[in-house]
């Protein structure tokens, strides 16, 4: 089984990049591939309850729907702890399927053979 890590650095500031991260992730998850979307920088906001509700790019499904489908298909949402902390984001604010991780978690996943892609 292939492993994939997709780095998403955007939210409302660039709905297309935010949504594409989860579109690609959902394709992988739907094909039974192990896939993580790692949210970093302002992308961490996507994992907070209610944030993605109004994020949409013409021509794509709304971000909240793509994210839900991604999780329902077995995808994992990782929130960069170093990025979440200065933004005041903690575990109690996260959507279902998201968790805060450390840089060590990301390095371990990548060093275990995961390919990476960034949006």
Protein backbone atom coordinates (compact mmCIF):
# COMPACT_ATOMS: atom_id res chain seq x y z
CA UNK A 1 0.00 0.00 0.00
CA UNK A 2 1.30 3.42 -0.94
CA UNK A 3 1.49 6.20 1.63
CA UNK A 4 0.92 9.84 0.84
CA UNK A 5 1.27 13.04 2.86
CA UNK A 6 -0.35 16.16 1.45
CA UNK A 7 0.68 19.46 3.01
CA UNK A 8 -2.05 22.10 3.03
CA UNK A 9 -0.93 25.61 3.98
CA UNK A 10 -4.07 27.53 2.98
CA UNK A 11 -7.64 28.12 4.10
CA UNK A 12 -9.95 31.03 3.34
CA UNK A 13 -7.01 32.96 1.89
CA UNK A 14 -6.85 30.51 -1.05
CA UNK A 15 -9.92 28.24 -1.20
CA UNK A 16 -8.67 26.51 -4.35
CA UNK A 17 -5.45 25.27 -2.75
CA UNK A 18 -7.24 24.33 0.46
CA UNK A 19 -9.84 22.32 -1.43
CA UNK A 20 -7.38 20.67 -3.83
CA UNK A 21 -5.43 19.28 -0.88
CA UNK A 22 -8.49 17.32 0.18
CA UNK A 23 -9.64 16.47 -3.37
CA UNK A 24 -6.33 14.74 -4.07
CA UNK A 25 -6.33 13.20 -0.60
CA UNK A 26 -9.84 11.90 -1.13
CA UNK A 27 -8.87 10.27 -4.43
CA UNK A 28 -6.06 8.44 -2.63
CA UNK A 29 -8.24 7.48 0.35
CA UNK A 30 -10.99 6.24 -1.99
CA UNK A 31 -8.39 4.00 -3.65
CA UNK A 32 -7.55 2.48 -0.23
CA UNK A 33 -4.22 4.27 -0.01
CA UNK A 34 -2.92 5.44 3.36
CA UNK A 35 -3.10 9.23 3.23
CA UNK A 36 -2.59 12.12 5.63
CA UNK A 37 -3.39 15.76 4.99
CA UNK A 38 -0.96 17.75 7.13
CA UNK A 39 -2.32 21.21 7.86
CA UNK A 40 0.37 23.81 8.45
CA UNK A 41 0.62 27.60 8.66
CA UNK A 42 -2.88 29.08 8.07
CA UNK A 43 -4.11 25.71 6.85
CA UNK A 44 -4.53 24.67 10.50
CA UNK A 45 -7.71 26.75 10.67
CA UNK A 46 -9.40 24.27 8.28
CA UNK A 47 -9.51 21.70 11.10
CA UNK A 48 -11.39 23.95 13.53
CA UNK A 49 -15.14 23.49 13.90
CA UNK A 50 -17.12 25.78 11.61
CA UNK A 51 -14.14 27.29 9.76
CA UNK A 52 -14.53 25.32 6.51
CA UNK A 53 -18.30 25.85 6.39
CA UNK A 54 -17.93 28.93 4.18
CA UNK A 55 -14.83 27.97 2.19
CA UNK A 56 -15.65 27.23 -1.43
CA UNK A 57 -14.07 27.68 -4.83
CA UNK A 58 -16.25 27.81 -7.92
CA UNK A 59 -16.11 24.49 -9.74
CA UNK A 60 -15.40 22.46 -6.59
CA UNK A 61 -17.54 21.00 -3.84
CA UNK A 62 -17.45 23.07 -0.63
CA UNK A 63 -14.36 22.40 1.47
CA UNK A 64 -16.38 21.07 4.42
CA UNK A 65 -17.96 18.40 2.18
CA UNK A 66 -14.64 17.33 0.65
CA UNK A 67 -13.05 17.15 4.11
CA UNK A 68 -15.91 15.03 5.48
CA UNK A 69 -15.68 12.65 2.53
CA UNK A 70 -11.90 12.41 3.03
CA UNK A 71 -12.30 11.39 6.68
CA UNK A 72 -15.20 9.04 5.87
CA UNK A 73 -12.94 7.31 3.33
CA UNK A 74 -10.24 6.71 5.95
CA UNK A 75 -8.05 9.78 5.44
CA UNK A 76 -6.31 11.33 8.42
CA UNK A 77 -6.13 15.07 9.16
CA UNK A 78 -3.01 16.10 11.05
CA UNK A 79 -2.73 19.60 12.49
CA UNK A 80 0.78 20.97 12.99
CA UNK A 81 1.16 21.59 16.72
CA UNK A 82 3.82 24.26 16.20
CA UNK A 83 1.40 26.12 13.91
CA UNK A 84 -1.71 25.58 16.05
CA UNK A 85 -0.24 26.80 19.32
CA UNK A 86 0.47 30.45 18.36
CA UNK A 87 -3.00 30.62 16.81
CA UNK A 88 -4.60 29.47 20.06
CA UNK A 89 -5.93 26.25 18.52
CA UNK A 90 -6.25 23.21 20.78
CA UNK A 91 -7.80 19.72 20.63
CA UNK A 92 -11.18 20.90 21.92
CA UNK A 93 -11.70 23.05 18.80
CA UNK A 94 -10.98 20.39 16.19
CA UNK A 95 -13.40 18.69 13.83
CA UNK A 96 -13.92 14.94 13.91
CA UNK A 97 -11.01 13.12 12.29
CA UNK A 98 -8.41 15.82 13.03
CA UNK A 99 -5.65 15.66 15.61
CA UNK A 100 -2.71 17.81 16.61
CA UNK A 101 0.67 16.24 15.85
CA UNK A 102 4.32 17.12 16.31
CA UNK A 103 7.02 17.59 13.71
CA UNK A 104 8.38 14.22 14.82
CA UNK A 105 5.12 12.55 13.71
CA UNK A 106 5.45 14.08 10.24
CA UNK A 107 9.13 13.16 9.93
CA UNK A 108 8.43 9.59 11.03
CA UNK A 109 5.62 9.23 8.48
CA UNK A 110 7.74 10.61 5.66
CA UNK A 111 10.79 8.55 6.59
CA UNK A 112 8.62 5.40 6.54
CA UNK A 113 8.25 5.85 2.79
CA UNK A 114 5.39 8.30 2.33
CA UNK A 115 5.45 10.47 -0.77
CA UNK A 116 4.65 14.13 -0.27
CA UNK A 117 2.75 16.79 -2.15
CA UNK A 118 2.09 20.40 -1.18
CA UNK A 119 -0.64 22.91 -1.92
